[in-house]
Amino acid sequence: MSSSLATITFLVRNYDEAILWFKTALGFDLIENTDMGGGKRWVLIDAGGIKLLLAKAEGPEQSAAIGNAAGGRVAFFLNTDNFARDHGRMLAAGVKFREAPRSEPYGTVAVFDDLYGNGWDLIQPAK
């Protein structure tokens, strides 16, 4: 048997603001946006091979979890083959980086926040 992680649920306040952010800030593709009725939608974003299912938070418990995917730690890791290109494009799109780029044994990295404050690493892995 072979298995792999395919889709991750990503809590959002609003479907449309999240779709716009992922498309504009990260250059991800919207691959599905189906109305499920009752205010729910099935929204899939292609995040470079892994899909994000944008799920609108319902109720106070889920709403409180928006922007806290890993309890304040970096939750997501975005690999690139050209750090300078993607860092510059993301800055131009208004992405807020927590730090300047730095070199680590595993590659060039900088932490940024998504539209809700979840931490992401932009990484160009060391060769």
C-alpha atoms as a PDB file:
ATOM      1  CA  MET A   1       0.000   0.000   0.000  1.00  0.00           C
ATOM      2  CA  SER A   2       1.226   3.491  -0.852  1.00  0.00           C
ATOM      3  CA  SER A   3      -0.184   6.624   0.712  1.00  0.00           C
ATOM      4  CA  SER A   4       0.582  10.319   0.719  1.00  0.00           C
ATOM      5  CA  LEU A   5      -0.757  13.492   2.248  1.00  0.00           C
ATOM      6  CA  ALA A   6      -2.965  15.108  -0.386  1.00  0.00           C
ATOM      7  CA  THR A   7      -5.150  17.791   1.233  1.00  0.00           C
ATOM      8  CA  ILE A   8      -4.939  19.975   4.354  1.00  0.00           C
ATOM      9  CA  THR A   9      -7.861  21.877   5.868  1.00  0.00           C
ATOM     10  CA  PHE A  10      -7.137  25.590   6.205  1.00  0.00           C
ATOM     11  CA  LEU A  11      -9.581  27.590   8.346  1.00  0.00           C
ATOM     12  CA  VAL A  12     -10.691  30.931   6.894  1.00  0.00           C
ATOM     13  CA  ARG A  13     -12.960  33.801   7.890  1.00  0.00           C
ATOM     14  CA  ASN A  14     -14.154  34.374   4.356  1.00  0.00           C
ATOM     15  CA  TYR A  15     -13.767  32.217   1.275  1.00  0.00           C
ATOM     16  CA  ASP A  16     -13.261  35.041  -1.215  1.00  0.00           C
ATOM     17  CA  GLU A  17     -10.628  36.952   0.784  1.00  0.00           C
ATOM     18  CA  ALA A  18      -8.661  33.729   1.267  1.00  0.00           C
ATOM     19  CA  ILE A  19      -8.899  32.739  -2.407  1.00  0.00           C
ATOM     20  CA  LEU A  20      -7.671  36.184  -3.441  1.00  0.00           C
ATOM     21  CA  TRP A  21      -4.766  36.086  -0.958  1.00  0.00           C
ATOM     22  CA  PHE A  22      -3.539  32.639  -1.985  1.00  0.00           C
ATOM     23  CA  LYS A  23      -3.763  33.518  -5.676  1.00  0.00           C
ATOM     24  CA  THR A  24      -2.196  36.978  -5.377  1.00  0.00           C
ATOM     25  CA  ALA A  25       0.327  36.592  -2.567  1.00  0.00           C
ATOM     26  CA  LEU A  26       1.529  33.036  -3.185  1.00  0.00           C
ATOM     27  CA  GLY A  27       0.590  32.460  -6.812  1.00  0.00           C
ATOM     28  CA  PHE A  28      -1.441  29.348  -6.001  1.00  0.00           C
ATOM     29  CA  ASP A  29      -4.224  28.168  -8.291  1.00  0.00           C
ATOM     30  CA  LEU A  30      -7.906  27.832  -7.469  1.00  0.00           C
ATOM     31  CA  ILE A  31      -8.882  24.381  -8.695  1.00  0.00           C
ATOM     32  CA  GLU A  32     -12.412  24.034  -7.339  1.00  0.00           C
ATOM     33  CA  ASN A  33     -15.039  26.349  -5.887  1.00  0.00           C
ATOM     34  CA  THR A  34     -18.358  24.537  -5.508  1.00  0.00           C
ATOM     35  CA  ASP A  35     -21.372  25.916  -3.656  1.00  0.00           C
ATOM     36  CA  MET A  36     -22.532  23.271  -1.160  1.00  0.00           C
ATOM     37  CA  GLY A  37     -25.569  25.248   0.023  1.00  0.00           C
ATOM     38  CA  GLY A  38     -26.182  26.822   3.381  1.00  0.00           C
ATOM     39  CA  GLY A  39     -23.190  29.156   3.012  1.00  0.00           C
ATOM     40  CA  LYS A  40     -20.695  26.294   2.641  1.00  0.00           C
ATOM     41  CA  ARG A  41     -18.373  25.885  -0.293  1.00  0.00           C
ATOM     42  CA  TRP A  42     -15.887  23.229  -1.352  1.00  0.00           C
ATOM     43  CA  VAL A  43     -12.860  25.370  -2.177  1.00  0.00           C
ATOM     44  CA  LEU A  44      -9.603  23.685  -3.203  1.00  0.00           C
ATOM     45  CA  ILE A  45      -6.357  25.551  -3.759  1.00  0.00           C
ATOM     46  CA  ASP A  46      -3.407  23.890  -5.515  1.00  0.00           C
ATOM     47  CA  ALA A  47      -0.435  24.603  -3.287  1.00  0.00           C
ATOM     48  CA  GLY A  48       2.177  23.016  -5.535  1.00  0.00           C
ATOM     49  CA  GLY A  49       1.111  19.401  -5.284  1.00  0.00           C
ATOM     50  CA  ILE A  50      -0.692  19.509  -1.949  1.00  0.00           C
ATOM     51  CA  LYS A  51      -4.198  20.893  -1.879  1.00  0.00           C
ATOM     52  CA  LEU A  52      -5.554  23.300   0.701  1.00  0.00           C
ATOM     53  CA  LEU A  53      -9.248  22.901   1.474  1.00  0.00           C
ATOM     54  CA  LEU A  54     -10.412  26.355   2.505  1.00  0.00           C
ATOM     55  CA  ALA A  55     -12.971  25.796   5.250  1.00  0.00           C
ATOM     56  CA  LYS A  56     -14.996  28.696   6.610  1.00  0.00           C
ATOM     57  CA  ALA A  57     -14.876  28.621  10.392  1.00  0.00           C
ATOM     58  CA  GLU A  58     -18.162  27.959  12.149  1.00  0.00           C
ATOM     59  CA  GLY A  59     -18.741  28.908  15.751  1.00  0.00           C
ATOM     60  CA  PRO A  60     -16.461  30.418  18.371  1.00  0.00           C
ATOM     61  CA  GLU A  61     -14.095  27.452  18.759  1.00  0.00           C
ATOM     62  CA  GLN A  62     -13.223  27.265  15.066  1.00  0.00           C
ATOM     63  CA  SER A  63     -13.093  31.048  14.752  1.00  0.00           C
ATOM     64  CA  ALA A  64     -10.607  31.188  17.624  1.00  0.00           C
ATOM     65  CA  ALA A  65      -8.358  28.736  15.746  1.00  0.00           C
ATOM     66  CA  ILE A  66      -8.046  30.933  12.645  1.00  0.00           C
ATOM     67  CA  GLY A  67      -4.435  32.081  12.420  1.00  0.00           C
ATOM     68  CA  ASN A  68      -3.273  29.629  15.071  1.00  0.00           C
ATOM     69  CA  ALA A  69      -2.662  26.503  12.997  1.00  0.00           C
ATOM     70  CA  ALA A  70       0.456  25.514  14.970  1.00  0.00           C
ATOM     71  CA  GLY A  71       0.042  27.325  18.264  1.00  0.00           C
ATOM     72  CA  GLY A  72       2.291  30.219  17.227  1.00  0.00           C
ATOM     73  CA  ARG A  73       4.971  28.105  15.539  1.00  0.00           C
ATOM     74  CA  VAL A  74       5.563  28.018  11.807  1.00  0.00           C
ATOM     75  CA  ALA A  75       2.814  25.811  10.414  1.00  0.00           C
ATOM     76  CA  PHE A  76       3.592  25.659   6.700  1.00  0.00           C
ATOM     77  CA  PHE A  77       6.761  25.349   4.634  1.00  0.00           C
ATOM     78  CA  LEU A  78       6.825  26.746   1.108  1.00  0.00           C
ATOM     79  CA  ASN A  79       9.778  25.532  -0.964  1.00  0.00           C
ATOM     80  CA  THR A  80      11.138  27.546  -3.874  1.00  0.00           C
ATOM     81  CA  ASP A  81      13.832  27.010  -6.458  1.00  0.00           C
ATOM     82  CA  ASN A  82      14.565  30.765  -6.568  1.00  0.00           C
ATOM     83  CA  PHE A  83      14.365  32.493  -3.198  1.00  0.00           C
ATOM     84  CA  ALA A  84      15.192  36.006  -4.428  1.00  0.00           C
ATOM     85  CA  ARG A  85      12.539  35.882  -7.179  1.00  0.00           C
ATOM     86  CA  ASP A  86       9.745  34.607  -4.946  1.00  0.00           C
ATOM     87  CA  HIS A  87      10.681  36.735  -1.928  1.00  0.00           C
ATOM     88  CA  GLY A  88      10.622  39.848  -4.122  1.00  0.00           C
ATOM     89  CA  ARG A  89       7.320  38.898  -5.757  1.00  0.00           C
ATOM     90  CA  MET A  90       5.742  38.212  -2.380  1.00  0.00           C
ATOM     91  CA  LEU A  91       6.976  41.526  -0.931  1.00  0.00           C
ATOM     92  CA  ALA A  92       5.510  43.325  -3.955  1.00  0.00           C
ATOM     93  CA  ALA A  93       2.184  41.524  -3.312  1.00  0.00           C
ATOM     94  CA  GLY A  94       2.140  42.853   0.265  1.00  0.00           C
ATOM     95  CA  VAL A  95       3.208  39.711   2.125  1.00  0.00           C
ATOM     96  CA  LYS A  96       4.514  40.593   5.594  1.00  0.00           C
ATOM     97  CA  PHE A  97       7.780  38.893   6.495  1.00  0.00           C
ATOM     98  CA  ARG A  98       8.687  38.552  10.171  1.00  0.00           C
ATOM     99  CA  GLU A  99      12.407  38.681   9.406  1.00  0.00           C
ATOM    100  CA  ALA A 100      15.035  39.300   6.779  1.00  0.00           C
ATOM    101  CA  PRO A 101      16.174  36.292   4.743  1.00  0.00           C
ATOM    102  CA  ARG A 102      18.833  34.196   6.438  1.00  0.00           C
ATOM    103  CA  SER A 103      21.124  31.311   5.528  1.00  0.00           C
ATOM    104  CA  GLU A 104      20.774  28.069   7.454  1.00  0.00           C
ATOM    105  CA  PRO A 105      22.421  24.676   6.902  1.00  0.00           C
ATOM    106  CA  TYR A 106      19.182  23.487   5.265  1.00  0.00           C
ATOM    107  CA  GLY A 107      18.881  26.507   2.923  1.00  0.00           C
ATOM    108  CA  THR A 108      17.849  30.151   2.582  1.00  0.00           C
ATOM    109  CA  VAL A 109      14.764  30.940   4.635  1.00  0.00           C
ATOM    110  CA  ALA A 110      12.502  33.737   5.873  1.00  0.00           C
ATOM    111  CA  VAL A 111       9.337  33.492   7.960  1.00  0.00           C
ATOM    112  CA  PHE A 112       6.199  35.249   6.746  1.00  0.00           C
ATOM    113  CA  ASP A 113       2.589  35.495   7.891  1.00  0.00           C
ATOM    114  CA  ASP A 114      -0.451  34.570   5.859  1.00  0.00           C
ATOM    115  CA  LEU A 115      -3.528  36.783   5.857  1.00  0.00           C
ATOM    116  CA  TYR A 116      -4.570  35.413   9.272  1.00  0.00           C
ATOM    117  CA  GLY A 117      -1.170  35.394  10.974  1.00  0.00           C
ATOM    118  CA  ASN A 118      -0.187  31.739  10.552  1.00  0.00           C
ATOM    119  CA  GLY A 119       3.569  31.407  10.222  1.00  0.00           C
ATOM    120  CA  TRP A 120       5.089  30.089   6.988  1.00  0.00           C
ATOM    121  CA  ASP A 121       8.701  29.495   5.985  1.00  0.00           C
ATOM    122  CA  LEU A 122       9.751  30.448   2.482  1.00  0.00           C
ATOM    123  CA  ILE A 123      12.695  28.103   1.859  1.00  0.00           C
ATOM    124  CA  GLN A 124      15.136  27.504  -0.937  1.00  0.00           C
ATOM    125  CA  PRO A 125      16.632  24.180   0.163  1.00  0.00           C
ATOM    126  CA  ALA A 126      20.404  23.810   0.207  1.00  0.00           C
ATOM    127  CA  LYS A 127      21.700  21.690  -2.634  1.00  0.00           C
END
